[in-house]
Amino acid sequence: MTGFLTTHVLDTARGCPAQGLKIELFRIEGETRSHLKTLTTNDDGRTDEQILPAAHFQTGTYELRFHAGEYLDATGTPPESPRFLDVIPLRFGMSEESHYHVPLLLSPFGYSTYRGS
């Protein structure tokens, strides 16, 4: 099986997929962080394409940056200055050529993630 990376963002405060949330993908090598791609979630809270497709998959350390503050502003969540959650960085390793699914469960004051399927 060839590896690839996907995500799914759910807004647990509103009880729906997080549509329109910007996500950036970086590859981490030592102290170097290289931007690979920027995507936005669709109406199902997923990206229209794999974040890291099989043709570009490599094992290693990566970081997804979820732009939660912009999303919360766009959904009309009452603003704070500064927002408690703005950009959420998730750094994780992919050690085998497999499907890695890294979902984000989001609310204005907390989030959780896990390795999904």
PDB file of N, CA and C in Angstrom:
ATOM      1  N   MET A   1       0.849  -1.185   0.000  1.00  0.00           N
ATOM      2  CA  MET A   1       0.000   0.000   0.000  1.00  0.00           C
ATOM      3  C   MET A   1       0.890   1.241   0.000  1.00  0.00           C
ATOM      4  N   THR A   2       0.546   2.204  -0.807  1.00  0.00           N
ATOM      5  CA  THR A   2       1.267   3.465  -0.838  1.00  0.00           C
ATOM      6  C   THR A   2       0.627   4.426   0.149  1.00  0.00           C
ATOM      7  N   GLY A   3       1.442   5.245   0.807  1.00  0.00           N
ATOM      8  CA  GLY A   3       0.930   6.143   1.832  1.00  0.00           C
ATOM      9  C   GLY A   3       0.266   7.383   1.268  1.00  0.00           C
ATOM     10  N   PHE A   4      -0.604   7.975   2.079  1.00  0.00           N
ATOM     11  CA  PHE A   4      -1.199   9.268   1.779  1.00  0.00           C
ATOM     12  C   PHE A   4      -1.765   9.857   3.061  1.00  0.00           C
ATOM     13  N   LEU A   5      -2.096  11.147   3.027  1.00  0.00           N
ATOM     14  CA  LEU A   5      -2.534  11.877   4.219  1.00  0.00           C
ATOM     15  C   LEU A   5      -3.851  12.585   3.951  1.00  0.00           C
ATOM     16  N   THR A   6      -4.798  12.447   4.890  1.00  0.00           N
ATOM     17  CA  THR A   6      -6.086  13.129   4.812  1.00  0.00           C
ATOM     18  C   THR A   6      -6.429  13.732   6.170  1.00  0.00           C
ATOM     19  N   THR A   7      -7.476  14.566   6.190  1.00  0.00           N
ATOM     20  CA  THR A   7      -7.979  15.134   7.435  1.00  0.00           C
ATOM     21  C   THR A   7      -9.485  15.318   7.334  1.00  0.00           C
ATOM     22  N   HIS A   8     -10.092  15.634   8.450  1.00  0.00           N
ATOM     23  CA  HIS A   8     -11.521  15.940   8.541  1.00  0.00           C
ATOM     24  C   HIS A   8     -11.652  16.856   9.750  1.00  0.00           C
ATOM     25  N   VAL A   9     -12.275  18.012   9.570  1.00  0.00           N
ATOM     26  CA  VAL A   9     -12.414  18.971  10.664  1.00  0.00           C
ATOM     27  C   VAL A   9     -13.896  19.103  11.004  1.00  0.00           C
ATOM     28  N   LEU A  10     -14.211  18.855  12.272  1.00  0.00           N
ATOM     29  CA  LEU A  10     -15.584  18.979  12.752  1.00  0.00           C
ATOM     30  C   LEU A  10     -15.658  20.081  13.799  1.00  0.00           C
ATOM     31  N   ASP A  11     -16.650  20.932  13.667  1.00  0.00           N
ATOM     32  CA  ASP A  11     -16.909  22.013  14.621  1.00  0.00           C
ATOM     33  C   ASP A  11     -17.828  21.437  15.688  1.00  0.00           C
ATOM     34  N   THR A  12     -17.262  21.057  16.822  1.00  0.00           N
ATOM     35  CA  THR A  12     -18.059  20.394  17.856  1.00  0.00           C
ATOM     36  C   THR A  12     -18.967  21.372  18.599  1.00  0.00           C
ATOM     37  N   ALA A  13     -18.676  22.660  18.572  1.00  0.00           N
ATOM     38  CA  ALA A  13     -19.537  23.642  19.226  1.00  0.00           C
ATOM     39  C   ALA A  13     -20.821  23.862  18.428  1.00  0.00           C
ATOM     40  N   ARG A  14     -20.710  23.818  17.110  1.00  0.00           N
ATOM     41  CA  ARG A  14     -21.867  24.023  16.243  1.00  0.00           C
ATOM     42  C   ARG A  14     -22.484  22.719  15.781  1.00  0.00           C
ATOM     43  N   GLY A  15     -21.768  21.604  15.996  1.00  0.00           N
ATOM     44  CA  GLY A  15     -22.297  20.301  15.612  1.00  0.00           C
ATOM     45  C   GLY A  15     -22.360  20.078  14.113  1.00  0.00           C
ATOM     46  N   CYS A  16     -21.297  20.527  13.402  1.00  0.00           N
ATOM     47  CA  CYS A  16     -21.296  20.383  11.950  1.00  0.00           C
ATOM     48  C   CYS A  16     -19.857  20.348  11.427  1.00  0.00           C
ATOM     49  N   PRO A  17     -19.686  19.961  10.162  1.00  0.00           N
ATOM     50  CA  PRO A  17     -18.350  20.022   9.566  1.00  0.00           C
ATOM     51  C   PRO A  17     -17.864  21.477   9.510  1.00  0.00           C
ATOM     52  N   ALA A  18     -16.557  21.656   9.623  1.00  0.00           N
ATOM     53  CA  ALA A  18     -15.955  22.999   9.581  1.00  0.00           C
ATOM     54  C   ALA A  18     -15.635  23.348   8.129  1.00  0.00           C
ATOM     55  N   GLN A  19     -16.568  23.997   7.466  1.00  0.00           N
ATOM     56  CA  GLN A  19     -16.408  24.369   6.058  1.00  0.00           C
ATOM     57  C   GLN A  19     -15.623  25.670   5.945  1.00  0.00           C
ATOM     58  N   GLY A  20     -14.660  25.709   5.009  1.00  0.00           N
ATOM     59  CA  GLY A  20     -13.918  26.937   4.744  1.00  0.00           C
ATOM     60  C   GLY A  20     -12.734  27.173   5.662  1.00  0.00           C
ATOM     61  N   LEU A  21     -12.237  26.142   6.322  1.00  0.00           N
ATOM     62  CA  LEU A  21     -11.099  26.284   7.230  1.00  0.00           C
ATOM     63  C   LEU A  21      -9.802  26.050   6.452  1.00  0.00           C
ATOM     64  N   LYS A  22      -8.899  27.024   6.515  1.00  0.00           N
ATOM     65  CA  LYS A  22      -7.620  26.908   5.810  1.00  0.00           C
ATOM     66  C   LYS A  22      -6.678  26.002   6.587  1.00  0.00           C
ATOM     67  N   ILE A  23      -5.974  25.115   5.830  1.00  0.00           N
ATOM     68  CA  ILE A  23      -5.013  24.176   6.403  1.00  0.00           C
ATOM     69  C   ILE A  23      -3.720  24.267   5.600  1.00  0.00           C
ATOM     70  N   GLU A  24      -2.605  24.363   6.304  1.00  0.00           N
ATOM     71  CA  GLU A  24      -1.298  24.351   5.656  1.00  0.00           C
ATOM     72  C   GLU A  24      -0.563  23.076   6.060  1.00  0.00           C
ATOM     73  N   LEU A  25       0.203  22.520   5.128  1.00  0.00           N
ATOM     74  CA  LEU A  25       1.020  21.344   5.396  1.00  0.00           C
ATOM     75  C   LEU A  25       2.491  21.712   5.255  1.00  0.00           C
ATOM     76  N   PHE A  26       3.286  21.314   6.245  1.00  0.00           N
ATOM     77  CA  PHE A  26       4.730  21.534   6.246  1.00  0.00           C
ATOM     78  C   PHE A  26       5.434  20.202   6.483  1.00  0.00           C
ATOM     79  N   ARG A  27       6.600  20.043   5.882  1.00  0.00           N
ATOM     80  CA  ARG A  27       7.489  18.922   6.179  1.00  0.00           C
ATOM     81  C   ARG A  27       8.580  19.460   7.097  1.00  0.00           C
ATOM     82  N   ILE A  28       8.882  18.721   8.164  1.00  0.00           N
ATOM     83  CA  ILE A  28       9.876  19.131   9.151  1.00  0.00           C
ATOM     84  C   ILE A  28      11.109  18.252   8.987  1.00  0.00           C
ATOM     85  N   GLU A  29      12.254  18.881   8.768  1.00  0.00           N
ATOM     86  CA  GLU A  29      13.524  18.154   8.685  1.00  0.00           C
ATOM     87  C   GLU A  29      14.527  18.914   9.546  1.00  0.00           C
ATOM     88  N   GLY A  30      14.808  18.347  10.729  1.00  0.00           N
ATOM     89  CA  GLY A  30      15.670  19.046  11.683  1.00  0.00           C
ATOM     90  C   GLY A  30      14.999  20.337  12.126  1.00  0.00           C
ATOM     91  N   GLU A  31      15.675  21.454  11.924  1.00  0.00           N
ATOM     92  CA  GLU A  31      15.126  22.761  12.286  1.00  0.00           C
ATOM     93  C   GLU A  31      14.443  23.446  11.095  1.00  0.00           C
ATOM     94  N   THR A  32      14.394  22.759   9.952  1.00  0.00           N
ATOM     95  CA  THR A  32      13.824  23.345   8.744  1.00  0.00           C
ATOM     96  C   THR A  32      12.375  22.918   8.568  1.00  0.00           C
ATOM     97  N   ARG A  33      11.516  23.890   8.334  1.00  0.00           N
ATOM     98  CA  ARG A  33      10.094  23.644   8.082  1.00  0.00           C
ATOM     99  C   ARG A  33       9.790  24.128   6.674  1.00  0.00           C
ATOM    100  N   SER A  34       9.408  23.206   5.780  1.00  0.00           N
ATOM    101  CA  SER A  34       9.151  23.533   4.381  1.00  0.00           C
ATOM    102  C   SER A  34       7.658  23.441   4.076  1.00  0.00           C
ATOM    103  N   HIS A  35       7.108  24.537   3.555  1.00  0.00           N
ATOM    104  CA  HIS A  35       5.690  24.563   3.189  1.00  0.00           C
ATOM    105  C   HIS A  35       5.472  23.710   1.942  1.00  0.00           C
ATOM    106  N   LEU A  36       4.510  22.782   2.011  1.00  0.00           N
ATOM    107  CA  LEU A  36       4.209  21.906   0.884  1.00  0.00           C
ATOM    108  C   LEU A  36       2.905  22.258   0.184  1.00  0.00           C
ATOM    109  N   LYS A  37       1.904  22.678   0.951  1.00  0.00           N
ATOM    110  CA  LYS A  37       0.584  22.863   0.350  1.00  0.00           C
ATOM    111  C   LYS A  37      -0.326  23.648   1.287  1.00  0.00           C
ATOM    112  N   THR A  38      -1.280  24.370   0.702  1.00  0.00           N
ATOM    113  CA  THR A  38      -2.351  25.021   1.450  1.00  0.00           C
ATOM    114  C   THR A  38      -3.668  24.597   0.826  1.00  0.00           C
ATOM    115  N   LEU A  39      -4.595  24.161   1.663  1.00  0.00           N
ATOM    116  CA  LEU A  39      -5.914  23.712   1.214  1.00  0.00           C
ATOM    117  C   LEU A  39      -6.988  24.331   2.097  1.00  0.00           C
ATOM    118  N   THR A  40      -8.231  24.230   1.659  1.00  0.00           N
ATOM    119  CA  THR A  40      -9.377  24.700   2.438  1.00  0.00           C
ATOM    120  C   THR A  40     -10.404  23.584   2.499  1.00  0.00           C
ATOM    121  N   THR A  41     -11.049  23.440   3.654  1.00  0.00           N
ATOM    122  CA  THR A  41     -12.038  22.379   3.804  1.00  0.00           C
ATOM    123  C   THR A  41     -13.313  22.694   3.022  1.00  0.00           C
ATOM    124  N   ASN A  42     -13.952  21.621   2.549  1.00  0.00           N
ATOM    125  CA  ASN A  42     -15.193  21.761   1.791  1.00  0.00           C
ATOM    126  C   ASN A  42     -16.401  21.697   2.731  1.00  0.00           C
ATOM    127  N   ASP A  43     -17.601  21.550   2.176  1.00  0.00           N
ATOM    128  CA  ASP A  43     -18.806  21.570   3.004  1.00  0.00           C
ATOM    129  C   ASP A  43     -18.949  20.347   3.909  1.00  0.00           C
ATOM    130  N   ASP A  44     -18.095  19.343   3.709  1.00  0.00           N
ATOM    131  CA  ASP A  44     -18.082  18.175   4.585  1.00  0.00           C
ATOM    132  C   ASP A  44     -16.939  18.236   5.606  1.00  0.00           C
ATOM    133  N   GLY A  45     -16.190  19.351   5.634  1.00  0.00           N
ATOM    134  CA  GLY A  45     -15.078  19.491   6.561  1.00  0.00           C
ATOM    135  C   GLY A  45     -13.832  18.738   6.134  1.00  0.00           C
ATOM    136  N   ARG A  46     -13.818  18.289   4.880  1.00  0.00           N
ATOM    137  CA  ARG A  46     -12.666  17.568   4.328  1.00  0.00           C
ATOM    138  C   ARG A  46     -12.058  18.405   3.209  1.00  0.00           C
ATOM    139  N   THR A  47     -10.877  18.039   2.777  1.00  0.00           N
ATOM    140  CA  THR A  47     -10.293  18.713   1.619  1.00  0.00           C
ATOM    141  C   THR A  47     -10.713  17.964   0.361  1.00  0.00           C
ATOM    142  N   ASP A  48     -10.805  18.669  -0.753  1.00  0.00           N
ATOM    143  CA  ASP A  48     -11.248  18.052  -2.001  1.00  0.00           C
ATOM    144  C   ASP A  48     -10.229  17.072  -2.567  1.00  0.00           C
ATOM    145  N   GLU A  49      -9.006  17.159  -2.111  1.00  0.00           N
ATOM    146  CA  GLU A  49      -7.959  16.235  -2.537  1.00  0.00           C
ATOM    147  C   GLU A  49      -7.176  15.795  -1.313  1.00  0.00           C
ATOM    148  N   GLN A  50      -6.425  14.736  -1.449  1.00  0.00           N
ATOM    149  CA  GLN A  50      -5.597  14.285  -0.342  1.00  0.00           C
ATOM    150  C   GLN A  50      -4.588  15.383  -0.008  1.00  0.00           C
ATOM    151  N   ILE A  51      -4.335  15.585   1.264  1.00  0.00           N
ATOM    152  CA  ILE A  51      -3.379  16.620   1.669  1.00  0.00           C
ATOM    153  C   ILE A  51      -1.994  16.274   1.155  1.00  0.00           C
ATOM    154  N   LEU A  52      -1.628  15.030   1.296  1.00  0.00           N
ATOM    155  CA  LEU A  52      -0.358  14.538   0.763  1.00  0.00           C
ATOM    156  C   LEU A  52      -0.676  13.269  -0.011  1.00  0.00           C
ATOM    157  N   PRO A  53      -0.781  13.364  -1.343  1.00  0.00           N
ATOM    158  CA  PRO A  53      -1.142  12.187  -2.129  1.00  0.00           C
ATOM    159  C   PRO A  53       0.007  11.197  -2.239  1.00  0.00           C
ATOM    160  N   ALA A  54      -0.329   9.998  -2.671  1.00  0.00           N
ATOM    161  CA  ALA A  54       0.647   8.912  -2.770  1.00  0.00           C
ATOM    162  C   ALA A  54       1.867   9.290  -3.604  1.00  0.00           C
ATOM    163  N   ALA A  55       1.672  10.049  -4.656  1.00  0.00           N
ATOM    164  CA  ALA A  55       2.789  10.416  -5.542  1.00  0.00           C
ATOM    165  C   ALA A  55       3.838  11.273  -4.831  1.00  0.00           C
ATOM    166  N   HIS A  56       3.460  11.937  -3.750  1.00  0.00           N
ATOM    167  CA  HIS A  56       4.384  12.820  -3.026  1.00  0.00           C
ATOM    168  C   HIS A  56       4.672  12.352  -1.603  1.00  0.00           C
ATOM    169  N   PHE A  57       4.146  11.190  -1.246  1.00  0.00           N
ATOM    170  CA  PHE A  57       4.285  10.704   0.121  1.00  0.00           C
ATOM    171  C   PHE A  57       5.720  10.299   0.434  1.00  0.00           C
ATOM    172  N   GLN A  58       6.182  10.728   1.603  1.00  0.00           N
ATOM    173  CA  GLN A  58       7.449  10.270   2.179  1.00  0.00           C
ATOM    174  C   GLN A  58       7.220  10.116   3.672  1.00  0.00           C
ATOM    175  N   THR A  59       7.841   9.111   4.272  1.00  0.00           N
ATOM    176  CA  THR A  59       7.776   9.035   5.725  1.00  0.00           C
ATOM    177  C   THR A  59       8.555  10.221   6.291  1.00  0.00           C
ATOM    178  N   GLY A  60       8.290  10.551   7.543  1.00  0.00           N
ATOM    179  CA  GLY A  60       8.985  11.657   8.179  1.00  0.00           C
ATOM    180  C   GLY A  60       8.065  12.424   9.104  1.00  0.00           C
ATOM    181  N   THR A  61       8.508  13.615   9.486  1.00  0.00           N
ATOM    182  CA  THR A  61       7.778  14.473  10.406  1.00  0.00           C
ATOM    183  C   THR A  61       7.105  15.591   9.621  1.00  0.00           C
ATOM    184  N   TYR A  62       5.845  15.831   9.958  1.00  0.00           N
ATOM    185  CA  TYR A  62       5.038  16.830   9.261  1.00  0.00           C
ATOM    186  C   TYR A  62       4.306  17.692  10.278  1.00  0.00           C
ATOM    187  N   GLU A  63       3.800  18.817   9.800  1.00  0.00           N
ATOM    188  CA  GLU A  63       2.981  19.688  10.638  1.00  0.00           C
ATOM    189  C   GLU A  63       1.801  20.181   9.820  1.00  0.00           C
ATOM    190  N   LEU A  64       0.611  20.005  10.361  1.00  0.00           N
ATOM    191  CA  LEU A  64      -0.587  20.628   9.821  1.00  0.00           C
ATOM    192  C   LEU A  64      -0.882  21.851  10.659  1.00  0.00           C
ATOM    193  N   ARG A  65      -1.157  22.959  10.013  1.00  0.00           N
ATOM    194  CA  ARG A  65      -1.535  24.197  10.717  1.00  0.00           C
ATOM    195  C   ARG A  65      -2.968  24.529  10.330  1.00  0.00           C
ATOM    196  N   PHE A  66      -3.859  24.420  11.298  1.00  0.00           N
ATOM    197  CA  PHE A  66      -5.280  24.683  11.105  1.00  0.00           C
ATOM    198  C   PHE A  66      -5.567  26.132  11.513  1.00  0.00           C
ATOM    199  N   HIS A  67      -6.094  26.927  10.605  1.00  0.00           N
ATOM    200  CA  HIS A  67      -6.354  28.345  10.865  1.00  0.00           C
ATOM    201  C   HIS A  67      -7.746  28.510  11.488  1.00  0.00           C
ATOM    202  N   ALA A  68      -7.826  28.141  12.749  1.00  0.00           N
ATOM    203  CA  ALA A  68      -9.092  28.118  13.481  1.00  0.00           C
ATOM    204  C   ALA A  68      -9.648  29.518  13.719  1.00  0.00           C
ATOM    205  N   GLY A  69      -8.806  30.490  14.018  1.00  0.00           N
ATOM    206  CA  GLY A  69      -9.282  31.844  14.297  1.00  0.00           C
ATOM    207  C   GLY A  69     -10.022  32.449  13.115  1.00  0.00           C
ATOM    208  N   GLU A  70      -9.454  32.322  11.920  1.00  0.00           N
ATOM    209  CA  GLU A  70     -10.125  32.831  10.711  1.00  0.00           C
ATOM    210  C   GLU A  70     -11.466  32.126  10.508  1.00  0.00           C
ATOM    211  N   TYR A  71     -11.473  30.818  10.731  1.00  0.00           N
ATOM    212  CA  TYR A  71     -12.718  30.049  10.588  1.00  0.00           C
ATOM    213  C   TYR A  71     -13.750  30.526  11.611  1.00  0.00           C
ATOM    214  N   LEU A  72     -13.358  30.670  12.863  1.00  0.00           N
ATOM    215  CA  LEU A  72     -14.292  31.101  13.902  1.00  0.00           C
ATOM    216  C   LEU A  72     -14.827  32.502  13.606  1.00  0.00           C
ATOM    217  N   ASP A  73     -13.978  33.395  13.113  1.00  0.00           N
ATOM    218  CA  ASP A  73     -14.440  34.725  12.716  1.00  0.00           C
ATOM    219  C   ASP A  73     -15.496  34.624  11.615  1.00  0.00           C
ATOM    220  N   ALA A  74     -15.231  33.792  10.611  1.00  0.00           N
ATOM    221  CA  ALA A  74     -16.134  33.656   9.464  1.00  0.00           C
ATOM    222  C   ALA A  74     -17.485  33.049   9.848  1.00  0.00           C
ATOM    223  N   THR A  75     -17.514  32.236  10.907  1.00  0.00           N
ATOM    224  CA  THR A  75     -18.778  31.597  11.314  1.00  0.00           C
ATOM    225  C   THR A  75     -19.571  32.456  12.294  1.00  0.00           C
ATOM    226  N   GLY A  76     -19.038  33.618  12.647  1.00  0.00           N
ATOM    227  CA  GLY A  76     -19.761  34.509  13.547  1.00  0.00           C
ATOM    228  C   GLY A  76     -19.599  34.169  15.011  1.00  0.00           C
ATOM    229  N   THR A  77     -18.625  33.332  15.338  1.00  0.00           N
ATOM    230  CA  THR A  77     -18.350  33.038  16.741  1.00  0.00           C
ATOM    231  C   THR A  77     -17.934  34.335  17.418  1.00  0.00           C
ATOM    232  N   PRO A  78     -18.569  34.706  18.544  1.00  0.00           N
ATOM    233  CA  PRO A  78     -18.229  35.983  19.180  1.00  0.00           C
ATOM    234  C   PRO A  78     -16.712  36.147  19.348  1.00  0.00           C
ATOM    235  N   PRO A  79     -16.196  37.281  18.900  1.00  0.00           N
ATOM    236  CA  PRO A  79     -14.736  37.481  18.914  1.00  0.00           C
ATOM    237  C   PRO A  79     -14.192  37.778  20.303  1.00  0.00           C
ATOM    238  N   GLU A  80     -12.956  37.414  20.471  1.00  0.00           N
ATOM    239  CA  GLU A  80     -12.169  37.794  21.641  1.00  0.00           C
ATOM    240  C   GLU A  80     -10.922  38.451  21.070  1.00  0.00           C
ATOM    241  N   SER A  81     -10.230  39.202  21.866  1.00  0.00           N
ATOM    242  CA  SER A  81      -8.993  39.809  21.370  1.00  0.00           C
ATOM    243  C   SER A  81      -7.897  39.620  22.408  1.00  0.00           C
ATOM    244  N   PRO A  82      -6.959  38.747  22.151  1.00  0.00           N
ATOM    245  CA  PRO A  82      -6.867  37.833  21.006  1.00  0.00           C
ATOM    246  C   PRO A  82      -7.733  36.605  21.228  1.00  0.00           C
ATOM    247  N   ARG A  83      -7.986  35.885  20.162  1.00  0.00           N
ATOM    248  CA  ARG A  83      -8.744  34.622  20.270  1.00  0.00           C
ATOM    249  C   ARG A  83      -7.944  33.623  21.093  1.00  0.00           C
ATOM    250  N   PHE A  84      -8.640  32.810  21.872  1.00  0.00           N
ATOM    251  CA  PHE A  84      -7.967  31.754  22.630  1.00  0.00           C
ATOM    252  C   PHE A  84      -7.266  30.791  21.684  1.00  0.00           C
ATOM    253  N   LEU A  85      -7.956  30.356  20.625  1.00  0.00           N
ATOM    254  CA  LEU A  85      -7.355  29.514  19.592  1.00  0.00           C
ATOM    255  C   LEU A  85      -7.306  30.299  18.296  1.00  0.00           C
ATOM    256  N   ASP A  86      -6.125  30.376  17.717  1.00  0.00           N
ATOM    257  CA  ASP A  86      -5.974  31.042  16.434  1.00  0.00           C
ATOM    258  C   ASP A  86      -5.468  30.023  15.422  1.00  0.00           C
ATOM    259  N   VAL A  87      -4.170  29.822  15.348  1.00  0.00           N
ATOM    260  CA  VAL A  87      -3.595  28.807  14.468  1.00  0.00           C
ATOM    261  C   VAL A  87      -3.205  27.617  15.334  1.00  0.00           C
ATOM    262  N   ILE A  88      -3.705  26.442  14.966  1.00  0.00           N
ATOM    263  CA  ILE A  88      -3.439  25.218  15.719  1.00  0.00           C
ATOM    264  C   ILE A  88      -2.418  24.390  14.957  1.00  0.00           C
ATOM    265  N   PRO A  89      -1.178  24.280  15.484  1.00  0.00           N
ATOM    266  CA  PRO A  89      -0.182  23.437  14.822  1.00  0.00           C
ATOM    267  C   PRO A  89      -0.227  22.016  15.384  1.00  0.00           C
ATOM    268  N   LEU A  90      -0.286  21.036  14.485  1.00  0.00           N
ATOM    269  CA  LEU A  90      -0.221  19.636  14.900  1.00  0.00           C
ATOM    270  C   LEU A  90       0.988  19.010  14.230  1.00  0.00           C
ATOM    271  N   ARG A  91       1.980  18.651  15.025  1.00  0.00           N
ATOM    272  CA  ARG A  91       3.197  18.026  14.494  1.00  0.00           C
ATOM    273  C   ARG A  91       3.116  16.532  14.777  1.00  0.00           C
ATOM    274  N   PHE A  92       3.368  15.730  13.750  1.00  0.00           N
ATOM    275  CA  PHE A  92       3.206  14.288  13.868  1.00  0.00           C
ATOM    276  C   PHE A  92       4.176  13.590  12.929  1.00  0.00           C
ATOM    277  N   GLY A  93       4.412  12.323  13.194  1.00  0.00           N
ATOM    278  CA  GLY A  93       5.304  11.526  12.359  1.00  0.00           C
ATOM    279  C   GLY A  93       4.540  10.472  11.584  1.00  0.00           C
ATOM    280  N   MET A  94       5.026  10.225  10.375  1.00  0.00           N
ATOM    281  CA  MET A  94       4.483   9.149   9.552  1.00  0.00           C
ATOM    282  C   MET A  94       5.639   8.188   9.288  1.00  0.00           C
ATOM    283  N   SER A  95       5.588   7.008   9.915  1.00  0.00           N
ATOM    284  CA  SER A  95       6.720   6.091   9.921  1.00  0.00           C
ATOM    285  C   SER A  95       6.595   4.940   8.934  1.00  0.00           C
ATOM    286  N   GLU A  96       5.457   4.810   8.290  1.00  0.00           N
ATOM    287  CA  GLU A  96       5.263   3.726   7.337  1.00  0.00           C
ATOM    288  C   GLU A  96       4.413   4.215   6.175  1.00  0.00           C
ATOM    289  N   GLU A  97       4.531   3.536   5.048  1.00  0.00           N
ATOM    290  CA  GLU A  97       3.731   3.905   3.887  1.00  0.00           C
ATOM    291  C   GLU A  97       2.328   3.343   4.070  1.00  0.00           C
ATOM    292  N   SER A  98       1.460   4.187   4.584  1.00  0.00           N
ATOM    293  CA  SER A  98       0.113   3.794   4.947  1.00  0.00           C
ATOM    294  C   SER A  98      -0.782   5.015   4.831  1.00  0.00           C
ATOM    295  N   HIS A  99      -2.074   4.845   5.032  1.00  0.00           N
ATOM    296  CA  HIS A  99      -3.002   5.970   5.077  1.00  0.00           C
ATOM    297  C   HIS A  99      -2.948   6.588   6.466  1.00  0.00           C
ATOM    298  N   TYR A 100      -2.597   7.839   6.536  1.00  0.00           N
ATOM    299  CA  TYR A 100      -2.631   8.596   7.783  1.00  0.00           C
ATOM    300  C   TYR A 100      -3.790   9.576   7.686  1.00  0.00           C
ATOM    301  N   HIS A 101      -4.685   9.500   8.656  1.00  0.00           N
ATOM    302  CA  HIS A 101      -5.837  10.395   8.719  1.00  0.00           C
ATOM    303  C   HIS A 101      -5.723  11.147  10.038  1.00  0.00           C
ATOM    304  N   VAL A 102      -5.617  12.470   9.959  1.00  0.00           N
ATOM    305  CA  VAL A 102      -5.407  13.303  11.153  1.00  0.00           C
ATOM    306  C   VAL A 102      -6.582  14.273  11.272  1.00  0.00           C
ATOM    307  N   PRO A 103      -7.661  13.864  11.953  1.00  0.00           N
ATOM    308  CA  PRO A 103      -8.824  14.722  12.110  1.00  0.00           C
ATOM    309  C   PRO A 103      -8.620  15.752  13.222  1.00  0.00           C
ATOM    310  N   LEU A 104      -9.432  16.799  13.165  1.00  0.00           N
ATOM    311  CA  LEU A 104      -9.432  17.827  14.207  1.00  0.00           C
ATOM    312  C   LEU A 104     -10.867  18.046  14.646  1.00  0.00           C
ATOM    313  N   LEU A 105     -11.114  17.923  15.946  1.00  0.00           N
ATOM    314  CA  LEU A 105     -12.405  18.256  16.545  1.00  0.00           C
ATOM    315  C   LEU A 105     -12.206  19.609  17.219  1.00  0.00           C
ATOM    316  N   LEU A 106     -12.963  20.610  16.786  1.00  0.00           N
ATOM    317  CA  LEU A 106     -12.684  22.002  17.128  1.00  0.00           C
ATOM    318  C   LEU A 106     -13.865  22.670  17.822  1.00  0.00           C
ATOM    319  N   SER A 107     -13.562  23.472  18.834  1.00  0.00           N
ATOM    320  CA  SER A 107     -14.514  24.411  19.421  1.00  0.00           C
ATOM    321  C   SER A 107     -13.727  25.690  19.718  1.00  0.00           C
ATOM    322  N   PRO A 108     -14.383  26.778  20.073  1.00  0.00           N
ATOM    323  CA  PRO A 108     -13.638  28.027  20.315  1.00  0.00           C
ATOM    324  C   PRO A 108     -12.622  27.946  21.451  1.00  0.00           C
ATOM    325  N   PHE A 109     -12.805  26.995  22.372  1.00  0.00           N
ATOM    326  CA  PHE A 109     -11.933  26.942  23.545  1.00  0.00           C
ATOM    327  C   PHE A 109     -11.211  25.612  23.730  1.00  0.00           C
ATOM    328  N   GLY A 110     -11.216  24.773  22.703  1.00  0.00           N
ATOM    329  CA  GLY A 110     -10.520  23.503  22.824  1.00  0.00           C
ATOM    330  C   GLY A 110     -10.553  22.723  21.525  1.00  0.00           C
ATOM    331  N   TYR A 111      -9.658  21.739  21.445  1.00  0.00           N
ATOM    332  CA  TYR A 111      -9.608  20.864  20.284  1.00  0.00           C
ATOM    333  C   TYR A 111      -9.023  19.533  20.691  1.00  0.00           C
ATOM    334  N   SER A 112      -9.263  18.534  19.857  1.00  0.00           N
ATOM    335  CA  SER A 112      -8.607  17.240  20.047  1.00  0.00           C
ATOM    336  C   SER A 112      -8.328  16.651  18.673  1.00  0.00           C
ATOM    337  N   THR A 113      -7.401  15.712  18.660  1.00  0.00           N
ATOM    338  CA  THR A 113      -7.023  15.038  17.435  1.00  0.00           C
ATOM    339  C   THR A 113      -6.628  13.619  17.768  1.00  0.00           C
ATOM    340  N   TYR A 114      -6.476  12.807  16.744  1.00  0.00           N
ATOM    341  CA  TYR A 114      -6.078  11.417  16.920  1.00  0.00           C
ATOM    342  C   TYR A 114      -5.683  10.883  15.552  1.00  0.00           C
ATOM    343  N   ARG A 115      -5.073   9.715  15.510  1.00  0.00           N
ATOM    344  CA  ARG A 115      -4.821   9.072  14.228  1.00  0.00           C
ATOM    345  C   ARG A 115      -6.050   8.257  13.862  1.00  0.00           C
ATOM    346  N   GLY A 116      -6.733   8.713  12.859  1.00  0.00           N
ATOM    347  CA  GLY A 116      -7.962   8.053  12.437  1.00  0.00           C
ATOM    348  C   GLY A 116      -7.710   7.035  11.351  1.00  0.00           C
ATOM    349  N   SER A 117      -8.788   6.630  10.716  1.00  0.00           N
ATOM    350  CA  SER A 117      -8.685   5.636   9.650  1.00  0.00           C
ATOM    351  C   SER A 117      -9.386   6.118   8.403  1.00  0.00           C
TER     352      SER A 117
END
